[in-house]
Amino acid sequence: METGKIKSKDLKMGLANQVVFANTLEELAETNKDILVVTSDSRGSGKLVPFGQKYPDQIVEVGIAEQNLVGVAAGLASAGKKPFAVSPACFITARSLEQIKNDVAYSDNPAVMVGISAGVSYGALGTTHHSLHDFAVLRAINNISIIAPADNYETEQAVRYAADSNKPVYIRLGKKPMPSLKEDDLNFEFGKGRKITEGKDLVFIASGETVYPAWLAAKELEDRHGIKATVVSMHTIKPLDTDLLDSLAEYGAPIITVEEHMVNGGLGEACASHLMQKGHRNAFVMVGIPDEYTVTGSQVEIFNYYGISKEGLYSLGKEMLL
């Protein structure tokens, strides 16, 4: 499908998705007193200080004790409350994995786990503070959905969805300002990927903060070579939009997945598994963090090093087609 050139020279930069999360939750809590925030000494990094000041009876601080964080949230959910357990993604999905598995998912308590400063957002703090495993471990647990919003609109919609859901949800958020990816066509549906651009020459399937560099690469490919690429924000990692994957594979074009996660067990492997099992034979490349000691640097520096950038994805797309 040819839809014309990507018109914007660049996209309008918005807020950090963590800020949009906090703002949306504050709005919802005004009319729903069952909404509670549980934090592990992370109300500041989670942008929840205003929430706590406005609703002091709707916030619980457990200190740096992530297992308690999830256990308390599960207990609140079992009592009919709607808790949002907020902690750095690296800790909430590692230290408290057993509680997520047993107290939340197995026990079917509709708590919302919110992993902030996800991926390599913490930059030079290094591997201890990177969450490059969370998609993989949570994909392996039954009865929990995984959402990684790409922009402010998707973040707001994900929070609203989670607040209404009667099932466990994990929302993964980064900390840098993000652009509005598609202001003229706002369409968020849980479990369904969101097409940002359309073209049948190449397909980028990305999640979270990697959707923006994929968009930039697609624009560069079109401007310089006339290559028209589809860019998909696969904001729901689980359940995966397999219907969309099948329709994209029918283009016969190369597919590139992009994620701020180790290539083991993440979005790319989920897509590859489905496409292979359904018999699709598109050229396929996964871009993410390889199975090695991750380089140290800022998020931008790490992205550039591993090709999760406009330049890296542009070069890869060009190499696959020209």
C-alpha atoms as a PDB file:
ATOM      1  CA  MET A   1       0.000   0.000   0.000  1.00  0.00           C
ATOM      2  CA  GLU A   2       1.475   3.309  -1.038  1.00  0.00           C
ATOM      3  CA  THR A   3       0.313   6.162   1.114  1.00  0.00           C
ATOM      4  CA  GLY A   4       2.651   8.924  -0.016  1.00  0.00           C
ATOM      5  CA  LYS A   5       5.738  10.301   1.628  1.00  0.00           C
ATOM      6  CA  ILE A   6       6.194  10.606   5.346  1.00  0.00           C
ATOM      7  CA  LYS A   7       5.396  14.317   5.437  1.00  0.00           C
ATOM      8  CA  SER A   8       6.696  15.547   8.773  1.00  0.00           C
ATOM      9  CA  LYS A   9      10.287  16.708   8.848  1.00  0.00           C
ATOM     10  CA  ASP A  10      10.289  15.497  12.432  1.00  0.00           C
ATOM     11  CA  LEU A  11       7.748  14.799  15.104  1.00  0.00           C
ATOM     12  CA  LYS A  12       6.573  17.024  17.913  1.00  0.00           C
ATOM     13  CA  MET A  13       8.329  16.047  21.149  1.00  0.00           C
ATOM     14  CA  GLY A  14       6.104  15.453  24.139  1.00  0.00           C
ATOM     15  CA  LEU A  15       6.576  14.358  27.744  1.00  0.00           C
ATOM     16  CA  ALA A  16       8.333  11.335  29.151  1.00  0.00           C
ATOM     17  CA  ASN A  17       5.921   8.423  29.200  1.00  0.00           C
ATOM     18  CA  GLN A  18       6.468   8.101  32.965  1.00  0.00           C
ATOM     19  CA  VAL A  19       5.085  11.620  33.409  1.00  0.00           C
ATOM     20  CA  VAL A  20       2.031  10.803  31.282  1.00  0.00           C
ATOM     21  CA  PHE A  21       1.484   7.651  33.340  1.00  0.00           C
ATOM     22  CA  ALA A  22       1.513   9.635  36.598  1.00  0.00           C
ATOM     23  CA  ASN A  23      -0.727  12.379  35.199  1.00  0.00           C
ATOM     24  CA  THR A  24      -3.272   9.885  33.859  1.00  0.00           C
ATOM     25  CA  LEU A  25      -3.335   7.924  37.094  1.00  0.00           C
ATOM     26  CA  GLU A  26      -3.862  11.122  39.082  1.00  0.00           C
ATOM     27  CA  GLU A  27      -6.839  11.980  36.875  1.00  0.00           C
ATOM     28  CA  LEU A  28      -8.370   8.513  37.264  1.00  0.00           C
ATOM     29  CA  ALA A  29      -7.852   8.455  41.035  1.00  0.00           C
ATOM     30  CA  GLU A  30      -9.955  11.581  41.470  1.00  0.00           C
ATOM     31  CA  THR A  31     -13.124   9.669  40.665  1.00  0.00           C
ATOM     32  CA  ASN A  32     -12.027   6.153  41.600  1.00  0.00           C
ATOM     33  CA  LYS A  33     -10.905   5.872  45.209  1.00  0.00           C
ATOM     34  CA  ASP A  34     -10.087   2.194  44.705  1.00  0.00           C
ATOM     35  CA  ILE A  35      -7.060   3.198  42.632  1.00  0.00           C
ATOM     36  CA  LEU A  36      -3.987   2.958  44.832  1.00  0.00           C
ATOM     37  CA  VAL A  37      -0.279   3.401  44.167  1.00  0.00           C
ATOM     38  CA  VAL A  38       2.253   1.168  45.895  1.00  0.00           C
ATOM     39  CA  THR A  39       5.873   2.296  45.579  1.00  0.00           C
ATOM     40  CA  SER A  40       9.277   0.980  46.604  1.00  0.00           C
ATOM     41  CA  ASP A  41      10.924   4.283  47.474  1.00  0.00           C
ATOM     42  CA  SER A  42      10.228   5.266  43.866  1.00  0.00           C
ATOM     43  CA  ARG A  43       7.513   7.920  43.978  1.00  0.00           C
ATOM     44  CA  GLY A  44      10.070  10.523  42.868  1.00  0.00           C
ATOM     45  CA  SER A  45      11.487   8.563  39.950  1.00  0.00           C
ATOM     46  CA  GLY A  46       7.956   7.463  39.071  1.00  0.00           C
ATOM     47  CA  LYS A  47       6.806  11.116  38.940  1.00  0.00           C
ATOM     48  CA  LEU A  48       4.248  10.346  41.652  1.00  0.00           C
ATOM     49  CA  VAL A  49       5.071  13.047  44.193  1.00  0.00           C
ATOM     50  CA  PRO A  50       2.076  15.178  43.078  1.00  0.00           C
ATOM     51  CA  PHE A  51      -0.144  12.084  43.263  1.00  0.00           C
ATOM     52  CA  GLY A  52       0.929  11.449  46.855  1.00  0.00           C
ATOM     53  CA  GLN A  53       0.375  15.073  47.815  1.00  0.00           C
ATOM     54  CA  LYS A  54      -3.094  15.131  46.282  1.00  0.00           C
ATOM     55  CA  TYR A  55      -4.197  11.662  47.427  1.00  0.00           C
ATOM     56  CA  PRO A  56      -2.186  10.794  50.561  1.00  0.00           C
ATOM     57  CA  ASP A  57      -4.676   8.060  51.475  1.00  0.00           C
ATOM     58  CA  GLN A  58      -4.221   6.355  48.097  1.00  0.00           C
ATOM     59  CA  ILE A  59      -0.479   5.781  48.145  1.00  0.00           C
ATOM     60  CA  VAL A  60       1.447   3.115  50.057  1.00  0.00           C
ATOM     61  CA  GLU A  61       5.226   3.254  50.536  1.00  0.00           C
ATOM     62  CA  VAL A  62       6.932  -0.061  51.296  1.00  0.00           C
ATOM     63  CA  GLY A  63      10.544   1.096  50.989  1.00  0.00           C
ATOM     64  CA  ILE A  64      13.186  -0.710  48.965  1.00  0.00           C
ATOM     65  CA  ALA A  65      11.446  -4.072  49.250  1.00  0.00           C
ATOM     66  CA  GLU A  66      10.127  -5.108  45.847  1.00  0.00           C
ATOM     67  CA  GLN A  67       8.852  -8.513  46.978  1.00  0.00           C
ATOM     68  CA  ASN A  68       6.722  -6.763  49.601  1.00  0.00           C
ATOM     69  CA  LEU A  69       5.674  -4.263  46.935  1.00  0.00           C
ATOM     70  CA  VAL A  70       4.101  -6.926  44.736  1.00  0.00           C
ATOM     71  CA  GLY A  71       2.739  -8.925  47.672  1.00  0.00           C
ATOM     72  CA  VAL A  72       0.978  -5.860  49.084  1.00  0.00           C
ATOM     73  CA  ALA A  73      -0.382  -4.979  45.639  1.00  0.00           C
ATOM     74  CA  ALA A  74      -1.700  -8.531  45.199  1.00  0.00           C
ATOM     75  CA  GLY A  75      -3.387  -8.381  48.596  1.00  0.00           C
ATOM     76  CA  LEU A  76      -5.014  -5.050  47.797  1.00  0.00           C
ATOM     77  CA  ALA A  77      -6.249  -6.396  44.462  1.00  0.00           C
ATOM     78  CA  SER A  78      -7.720  -9.453  46.165  1.00  0.00           C
ATOM     79  CA  ALA A  79      -9.673  -7.086  48.436  1.00  0.00           C
ATOM     80  CA  GLY A  80     -11.248  -5.263  45.492  1.00  0.00           C
ATOM     81  CA  LYS A  81      -8.798  -2.371  45.156  1.00  0.00           C
ATOM     82  CA  LYS A  82      -6.985  -1.393  41.950  1.00  0.00           C
ATOM     83  CA  PRO A  83      -3.297  -1.176  42.868  1.00  0.00           C
ATOM     84  CA  PHE A  84      -0.504   0.078  40.612  1.00  0.00           C
ATOM     85  CA  ALA A  85       2.823  -1.296  41.901  1.00  0.00           C
ATOM     86  CA  VAL A  86       5.533   1.088  40.703  1.00  0.00           C
ATOM     87  CA  SER A  87       9.248   0.317  40.763  1.00  0.00           C
ATOM     88  CA  PRO A  88      12.239   0.332  38.385  1.00  0.00           C
ATOM     89  CA  ALA A  89      11.629  -2.326  35.751  1.00  0.00           C
ATOM     90  CA  CYS A  90      14.917  -4.067  36.479  1.00  0.00           C
ATOM     91  CA  PHE A  91      13.923  -4.703  40.098  1.00  0.00           C
ATOM     92  CA  ILE A  92      10.195  -5.351  39.953  1.00  0.00           C
ATOM     93  CA  THR A  93      10.638  -8.121  37.358  1.00  0.00           C
ATOM     94  CA  ALA A  94      13.694  -9.731  38.956  1.00  0.00           C
ATOM     95  CA  ARG A  95      13.588  -9.392  42.735  1.00  0.00           C
ATOM     96  CA  SER A  96       9.834  -9.975  42.906  1.00  0.00           C
ATOM     97  CA  LEU A  97       9.387 -12.420  40.035  1.00  0.00           C
ATOM     98  CA  GLU A  98       8.079 -15.149  42.343  1.00  0.00           C
ATOM     99  CA  GLN A  99       5.445 -12.793  43.751  1.00  0.00           C
ATOM    100  CA  ILE A 100       4.379 -11.750  40.241  1.00  0.00           C
ATOM    101  CA  LYS A 101       4.123 -15.397  39.236  1.00  0.00           C
ATOM    102  CA  ASN A 102       2.306 -16.730  42.312  1.00  0.00           C
ATOM    103  CA  ASP A 103       0.607 -13.855  44.157  1.00  0.00           C
ATOM    104  CA  VAL A 104      -0.534 -11.974  41.061  1.00  0.00           C
ATOM    105  CA  ALA A 105      -0.732 -14.161  37.948  1.00  0.00           C
ATOM    106  CA  TYR A 106      -1.412 -17.626  39.430  1.00  0.00           C
ATOM    107  CA  SER A 107      -3.818 -16.161  42.005  1.00  0.00           C
ATOM    108  CA  ASP A 108      -5.504 -14.045  39.302  1.00  0.00           C
ATOM    109  CA  ASN A 109      -5.273 -10.791  41.232  1.00  0.00           C
ATOM    110  CA  PRO A 110      -5.719  -7.847  38.844  1.00  0.00           C
ATOM    111  CA  ALA A 111      -2.780  -5.795  40.058  1.00  0.00           C
ATOM    112  CA  VAL A 112      -0.867  -3.586  37.638  1.00  0.00           C
ATOM    113  CA  MET A 113       2.923  -3.790  37.742  1.00  0.00           C
ATOM    114  CA  VAL A 114       4.572  -0.675  36.345  1.00  0.00           C
ATOM    115  CA  GLY A 115       8.235  -0.999  35.410  1.00  0.00           C
ATOM    116  CA  ILE A 116       9.737   2.490  35.187  1.00  0.00           C
ATOM    117  CA  SER A 117      13.097   3.561  33.727  1.00  0.00           C
ATOM    118  CA  ALA A 118      12.980   0.406  31.622  1.00  0.00           C
ATOM    119  CA  GLY A 119      15.481  -1.068  29.210  1.00  0.00           C
ATOM    120  CA  VAL A 120      18.733   0.890  29.382  1.00  0.00           C
ATOM    121  CA  SER A 121      17.118   4.129  30.573  1.00  0.00           C
ATOM    122  CA  TYR A 122      19.451   4.213  33.559  1.00  0.00           C
ATOM    123  CA  GLY A 123      22.380   4.314  31.142  1.00  0.00           C
ATOM    124  CA  ALA A 124      25.745   4.398  32.860  1.00  0.00           C
ATOM    125  CA  LEU A 125      24.411   2.820  36.065  1.00  0.00           C
ATOM    126  CA  GLY A 126      25.006  -0.387  34.166  1.00  0.00           C
ATOM    127  CA  THR A 127      23.712  -3.928  34.035  1.00  0.00           C
ATOM    128  CA  THR A 128      22.357  -3.989  37.595  1.00  0.00           C
ATOM    129  CA  HIS A 129      19.919  -1.243  36.584  1.00  0.00           C
ATOM    130  CA  HIS A 130      19.106  -2.441  33.056  1.00  0.00           C
ATOM    131  CA  SER A 131      15.907  -4.396  32.427  1.00  0.00           C
ATOM    132  CA  LEU A 132      16.763  -6.480  29.377  1.00  0.00           C
ATOM    133  CA  HIS A 133      15.021  -9.601  30.678  1.00  0.00           C
ATOM    134  CA  ASP A 134      11.500  -8.483  31.589  1.00  0.00           C
ATOM    135  CA  PHE A 135       9.727  -9.362  28.338  1.00  0.00           C
ATOM    136  CA  ALA A 136      11.319 -12.811  28.390  1.00  0.00           C
ATOM    137  CA  VAL A 137      10.484 -13.762  31.963  1.00  0.00           C
ATOM    138  CA  LEU A 138       6.952 -12.362  31.909  1.00  0.00           C
ATOM    139  CA  ARG A 139       6.141 -13.910  28.527  1.00  0.00           C
ATOM    140  CA  ALA A 140       6.833 -17.254  30.207  1.00  0.00           C
ATOM    141  CA  ILE A 141       4.226 -16.654  32.925  1.00  0.00           C
ATOM    142  CA  ASN A 142       0.576 -17.441  32.257  1.00  0.00           C
ATOM    143  CA  ASN A 143      -2.125 -14.841  32.902  1.00  0.00           C
ATOM    144  CA  ILE A 144      -0.224 -11.570  32.627  1.00  0.00           C
ATOM    145  CA  SER A 145      -0.311  -9.075  29.775  1.00  0.00           C
ATOM    146  CA  ILE A 146       2.708  -6.979  28.733  1.00  0.00           C
ATOM    147  CA  ILE A 147       2.380  -3.456  27.325  1.00  0.00           C
ATOM    148  CA  ALA A 148       5.286  -1.250  26.211  1.00  0.00           C
ATOM    149  CA  PRO A 149       3.862   2.083  24.977  1.00  0.00           C
ATOM    150  CA  ALA A 150       5.775   4.020  22.330  1.00  0.00           C
ATOM    151  CA  ASP A 151       4.446   7.530  22.869  1.00  0.00           C
ATOM    152  CA  ASN A 152       2.335   9.671  25.187  1.00  0.00           C
ATOM    153  CA  TYR A 153      -0.952   8.665  23.553  1.00  0.00           C
ATOM    154  CA  GLU A 154      -0.267   4.948  23.865  1.00  0.00           C
ATOM    155  CA  THR A 155       0.847   5.434  27.468  1.00  0.00           C
ATOM    156  CA  GLU A 156      -2.354   7.206  28.464  1.00  0.00           C
ATOM    157  CA  GLN A 157      -4.470   4.562  26.757  1.00  0.00           C
ATOM    158  CA  ALA A 158      -2.476   1.724  28.338  1.00  0.00           C
ATOM    159  CA  VAL A 159      -3.012   3.166  31.829  1.00  0.00           C
ATOM    160  CA  ARG A 160      -6.738   3.567  31.199  1.00  0.00           C
ATOM    161  CA  TYR A 161      -6.935   0.004  29.901  1.00  0.00           C
ATOM    162  CA  ALA A 162      -5.039  -1.369  32.902  1.00  0.00           C
ATOM    163  CA  ALA A 163      -7.232   0.562  35.346  1.00  0.00           C
ATOM    164  CA  ASP A 164     -10.323  -1.119  33.875  1.00  0.00           C
ATOM    165  CA  SER A 165      -8.822  -4.581  33.400  1.00  0.00           C
ATOM    166  CA  ASN A 166      -9.801  -7.463  35.648  1.00  0.00           C
ATOM    167  CA  LYS A 167      -6.568  -9.295  34.800  1.00  0.00           C
ATOM    168  CA  PRO A 168      -2.891  -8.744  35.742  1.00  0.00           C
ATOM    169  CA  VAL A 169      -0.994  -6.262  33.571  1.00  0.00           C
ATOM    170  CA  TYR A 170       2.645  -5.191  33.276  1.00  0.00           C
ATOM    171  CA  ILE A 171       3.320  -1.746  31.798  1.00  0.00           C
ATOM    172  CA  ARG A 172       6.892  -0.895  30.790  1.00  0.00           C
ATOM    173  CA  LEU A 173       7.915   2.775  30.634  1.00  0.00           C
ATOM    174  CA  GLY A 174      11.029   4.732  29.755  1.00  0.00           C
ATOM    175  CA  LYS A 175      12.161   8.073  31.108  1.00  0.00           C
ATOM    176  CA  LYS A 176      12.986  10.317  28.165  1.00  0.00           C
ATOM    177  CA  PRO A 177      10.554  12.661  26.337  1.00  0.00           C
ATOM    178  CA  MET A 178       8.841  10.944  23.428  1.00  0.00           C
ATOM    179  CA  PRO A 179       7.189  12.364  20.295  1.00  0.00           C
ATOM    180  CA  SER A 180       3.600  11.907  19.211  1.00  0.00           C
ATOM    181  CA  LEU A 181       4.022   9.328  16.492  1.00  0.00           C
ATOM    182  CA  LYS A 182       0.714   9.649  14.663  1.00  0.00           C
ATOM    183  CA  GLU A 183      -1.286  12.697  15.662  1.00  0.00           C
ATOM    184  CA  ASP A 184      -3.749  12.455  12.759  1.00  0.00           C
ATOM    185  CA  ASP A 185      -4.880   8.870  13.479  1.00  0.00           C
ATOM    186  CA  LEU A 186      -5.092   8.013  17.160  1.00  0.00           C
ATOM    187  CA  ASN A 187      -6.075   4.384  17.439  1.00  0.00           C
ATOM    188  CA  PHE A 188      -5.046   2.250  20.404  1.00  0.00           C
ATOM    189  CA  GLU A 189      -6.469  -1.200  20.907  1.00  0.00           C
ATOM    190  CA  PHE A 190      -5.068  -3.589  23.487  1.00  0.00           C
ATOM    191  CA  GLY A 191      -3.545  -6.643  21.817  1.00  0.00           C
ATOM    192  CA  LYS A 192      -3.374  -4.958  18.415  1.00  0.00           C
ATOM    193  CA  GLY A 193      -0.282  -3.391  16.872  1.00  0.00           C
ATOM    194  CA  ARG A 194      -0.515   0.222  15.706  1.00  0.00           C
ATOM    195  CA  LYS A 195       0.652   1.073  12.197  1.00  0.00           C
ATOM    196  CA  ILE A 196       2.573   4.341  12.229  1.00  0.00           C
ATOM    197  CA  THR A 197       3.481   4.337   8.517  1.00  0.00           C
ATOM    198  CA  GLU A 198       2.583   1.981   5.682  1.00  0.00           C
ATOM    199  CA  GLY A 199       4.581   0.654   2.760  1.00  0.00           C
ATOM    200  CA  LYS A 200       5.237  -2.743   1.220  1.00  0.00           C
ATOM    201  CA  ASP A 201       8.992  -2.595   0.639  1.00  0.00           C
ATOM    202  CA  LEU A 202      10.130  -3.167   4.221  1.00  0.00           C
ATOM    203  CA  VAL A 203       8.600  -3.729   7.681  1.00  0.00           C
ATOM    204  CA  PHE A 204       9.845  -2.436  11.026  1.00  0.00           C
ATOM    205  CA  ILE A 205       8.130  -3.963  14.077  1.00  0.00           C
ATOM    206  CA  ALA A 206       9.219  -2.103  17.209  1.00  0.00           C
ATOM    207  CA  SER A 207       8.121  -1.498  20.784  1.00  0.00           C
ATOM    208  CA  GLY A 208       8.452   1.247  23.368  1.00  0.00           C
ATOM    209  CA  GLU A 209      11.122   3.876  22.808  1.00  0.00           C
ATOM    210  CA  THR A 210      12.579   2.032  19.803  1.00  0.00           C
ATOM    211  CA  VAL A 211       9.588   2.895  17.598  1.00  0.00           C
ATOM    212  CA  TYR A 212      10.839   6.448  17.137  1.00  0.00           C
ATOM    213  CA  PRO A 213      14.259   5.511  15.658  1.00  0.00           C
ATOM    214  CA  ALA A 214      12.455   3.016  13.415  1.00  0.00           C
ATOM    215  CA  TRP A 215      10.225   5.866  12.185  1.00  0.00           C
ATOM    216  CA  LEU A 216      13.277   8.052  11.565  1.00  0.00           C
ATOM    217  CA  ALA A 217      14.977   5.254   9.629  1.00  0.00           C
ATOM    218  CA  ALA A 218      11.859   4.682   7.525  1.00  0.00           C
ATOM    219  CA  LYS A 219      11.728   8.370   6.666  1.00  0.00           C
ATOM    220  CA  GLU A 220      15.410   8.354   5.686  1.00  0.00           C
ATOM    221  CA  LEU A 221      14.936   5.309   3.474  1.00  0.00           C
ATOM    222  CA  GLU A 222      12.000   6.948   1.717  1.00  0.00           C
ATOM    223  CA  ASP A 223      13.675  10.324   1.311  1.00  0.00           C
ATOM    224  CA  ARG A 224      16.939   8.933  -0.025  1.00  0.00           C
ATOM    225  CA  HIS A 225      15.895   5.801  -1.902  1.00  0.00           C
ATOM    226  CA  GLY A 226      12.125   5.862  -2.360  1.00  0.00           C
ATOM    227  CA  ILE A 227      11.792   2.806  -0.116  1.00  0.00           C
ATOM    228  CA  LYS A 228       8.374   2.711   1.531  1.00  0.00           C
ATOM    229  CA  ALA A 229       8.352   0.966   4.882  1.00  0.00           C
ATOM    230  CA  THR A 230       5.645  -0.033   7.308  1.00  0.00           C
ATOM    231  CA  VAL A 231       6.476   0.915  10.885  1.00  0.00           C
ATOM    232  CA  VAL A 232       4.449  -0.852  13.566  1.00  0.00           C
ATOM    233  CA  SER A 233       4.321   0.010  17.236  1.00  0.00           C
ATOM    234  CA  MET A 234       3.794  -3.445  18.714  1.00  0.00           C
ATOM    235  CA  HIS A 235       2.846  -1.948  22.055  1.00  0.00           C
ATOM    236  CA  THR A 236       1.272  -5.150  23.324  1.00  0.00           C
ATOM    237  CA  ILE A 237       4.013  -7.741  23.597  1.00  0.00           C
ATOM    238  CA  LYS A 238       1.663 -10.270  25.132  1.00  0.00           C
ATOM    239  CA  PRO A 239      -0.816 -11.147  23.741  1.00  0.00           C
ATOM    240  CA  LEU A 240       0.957 -10.625  20.428  1.00  0.00           C
ATOM    241  CA  ASP A 241      -1.008  -9.394  17.416  1.00  0.00           C
ATOM    242  CA  THR A 242      -0.484 -12.472  15.283  1.00  0.00           C
ATOM    243  CA  ASP A 243      -3.166 -11.448  12.779  1.00  0.00           C
ATOM    244  CA  LEU A 244      -1.194  -8.301  12.011  1.00  0.00           C
ATOM    245  CA  LEU A 245       2.032 -10.324  11.750  1.00  0.00           C
ATOM    246  CA  ASP A 246       0.426 -12.605   9.182  1.00  0.00           C
ATOM    247  CA  SER A 247      -0.839  -9.679   7.123  1.00  0.00           C
ATOM    248  CA  LEU A 248       2.574  -7.982   7.201  1.00  0.00           C
ATOM    249  CA  ALA A 249       4.317 -11.187   6.140  1.00  0.00           C
ATOM    250  CA  GLU A 250       2.044 -11.345   3.091  1.00  0.00           C
ATOM    251  CA  TYR A 251       3.908  -8.315   1.716  1.00  0.00           C
ATOM    252  CA  GLY A 252       6.842 -10.644   1.101  1.00  0.00           C
ATOM    253  CA  ALA A 253       9.136  -7.850   2.326  1.00  0.00           C
ATOM    254  CA  PRO A 254      12.005  -8.150   4.807  1.00  0.00           C
ATOM    255  CA  ILE A 255      10.975  -7.769   8.450  1.00  0.00           C
ATOM    256  CA  ILE A 256      13.123  -6.060  11.087  1.00  0.00           C
ATOM    257  CA  THR A 257      12.136  -6.198  14.752  1.00  0.00           C
ATOM    258  CA  VAL A 258      13.519  -3.563  17.114  1.00  0.00           C
ATOM    259  CA  GLU A 259      13.460  -3.653  20.907  1.00  0.00           C
ATOM    260  CA  GLU A 260      15.163  -2.243  23.993  1.00  0.00           C
ATOM    261  CA  HIS A 261      15.607  -5.757  25.336  1.00  0.00           C
ATOM    262  CA  MET A 262      17.975  -8.665  24.933  1.00  0.00           C
ATOM    263  CA  VAL A 263      17.313 -10.512  21.685  1.00  0.00           C
ATOM    264  CA  ASN A 264      16.715 -13.678  23.729  1.00  0.00           C
ATOM    265  CA  GLY A 265      13.053 -14.103  24.598  1.00  0.00           C
ATOM    266  CA  GLY A 266      11.762 -10.688  23.583  1.00  0.00           C
ATOM    267  CA  LEU A 267       9.608  -9.168  20.857  1.00  0.00           C
ATOM    268  CA  GLY A 268      11.821 -10.417  18.028  1.00  0.00           C
ATOM    269  CA  GLU A 269      11.773 -14.042  19.108  1.00  0.00           C
ATOM    270  CA  ALA A 270       8.016 -13.873  19.703  1.00  0.00           C
ATOM    271  CA  CYS A 271       7.505 -12.602  16.145  1.00  0.00           C
ATOM    272  CA  ALA A 272       9.987 -15.068  14.646  1.00  0.00           C
ATOM    273  CA  SER A 273       8.369 -18.018  16.409  1.00  0.00           C
ATOM    274  CA  HIS A 274       4.926 -17.207  15.084  1.00  0.00           C
ATOM    275  CA  LEU A 275       6.076 -16.442  11.536  1.00  0.00           C
ATOM    276  CA  MET A 276       8.134 -19.626  11.303  1.00  0.00           C
ATOM    277  CA  GLN A 277       5.335 -21.803  12.673  1.00  0.00           C
ATOM    278  CA  LYS A 278       2.888 -20.305  10.186  1.00  0.00           C
ATOM    279  CA  GLY A 279       5.272 -21.056   7.310  1.00  0.00           C
ATOM    280  CA  HIS A 280       6.224 -17.492   6.367  1.00  0.00           C
ATOM    281  CA  ARG A 281       9.660 -17.142   4.788  1.00  0.00           C
ATOM    282  CA  ASN A 282      10.372 -13.412   4.851  1.00  0.00           C
ATOM    283  CA  ALA A 283      13.929 -12.251   5.378  1.00  0.00           C
ATOM    284  CA  PHE A 284      14.029 -11.512   9.100  1.00  0.00           C
ATOM    285  CA  VAL A 285      16.460  -9.683  11.408  1.00  0.00           C
ATOM    286  CA  MET A 286      16.175  -8.979  15.144  1.00  0.00           C
ATOM    287  CA  VAL A 287      17.707  -5.761  16.462  1.00  0.00           C
ATOM    288  CA  GLY A 288      18.186  -5.485  20.199  1.00  0.00           C
ATOM    289  CA  ILE A 289      20.818  -6.093  22.846  1.00  0.00           C
ATOM    290  CA  PRO A 290      22.901  -9.199  22.068  1.00  0.00           C
ATOM    291  CA  ASP A 291      23.761 -11.904  24.577  1.00  0.00           C
ATOM    292  CA  GLU A 292      26.929 -10.271  25.883  1.00  0.00           C
ATOM    293  CA  TYR A 293      28.149  -7.897  28.564  1.00  0.00           C
ATOM    294  CA  THR A 294      26.292  -4.707  27.688  1.00  0.00           C
ATOM    295  CA  VAL A 295      28.461  -1.689  26.948  1.00  0.00           C
ATOM    296  CA  THR A 296      28.335   1.151  29.454  1.00  0.00           C
ATOM    297  CA  GLY A 297      27.048   4.562  28.451  1.00  0.00           C
ATOM    298  CA  SER A 298      23.951   6.698  28.165  1.00  0.00           C
ATOM    299  CA  GLN A 299      20.814   5.258  26.616  1.00  0.00           C
ATOM    300  CA  VAL A 300      21.608   7.085  23.372  1.00  0.00           C
ATOM    301  CA  GLU A 301      25.170   5.773  23.348  1.00  0.00           C
ATOM    302  CA  ILE A 302      24.000   2.222  23.986  1.00  0.00           C
ATOM    303  CA  PHE A 303      21.342   2.504  21.275  1.00  0.00           C
ATOM    304  CA  ASN A 304      23.912   3.801  18.791  1.00  0.00           C
ATOM    305  CA  TYR A 305      26.390   1.054  19.646  1.00  0.00           C
ATOM    306  CA  TYR A 306      23.876  -1.706  18.977  1.00  0.00           C
ATOM    307  CA  GLY A 307      22.263  -0.129  15.913  1.00  0.00           C
ATOM    308  CA  ILE A 308      19.009   0.844  17.647  1.00  0.00           C
ATOM    309  CA  SER A 309      19.155   4.246  15.949  1.00  0.00           C
ATOM    310  CA  LYS A 310      18.112   6.078  12.819  1.00  0.00           C
ATOM    311  CA  GLU A 311      21.512   5.496  11.262  1.00  0.00           C
ATOM    312  CA  GLY A 312      21.782   1.854  12.289  1.00  0.00           C
ATOM    313  CA  LEU A 313      18.291   0.887  11.172  1.00  0.00           C
ATOM    314  CA  TYR A 314      18.597   2.898   7.950  1.00  0.00           C
ATOM    315  CA  SER A 315      21.833   1.066   7.096  1.00  0.00           C
ATOM    316  CA  LEU A 316      20.303  -2.316   7.908  1.00  0.00           C
ATOM    317  CA  GLY A 317      17.199  -1.645   5.818  1.00  0.00           C
ATOM    318  CA  LYS A 318      19.283  -0.437   2.910  1.00  0.00           C
ATOM    319  CA  GLU A 319      21.532  -3.491   3.147  1.00  0.00           C
ATOM    320  CA  MET A 320      18.560  -5.835   3.050  1.00  0.00           C
ATOM    321  CA  LEU A 321      17.026  -4.210  -0.002  1.00  0.00           C
ATOM    322  CA  LEU A 322      19.751  -2.614  -2.133  1.00  0.00           C
END
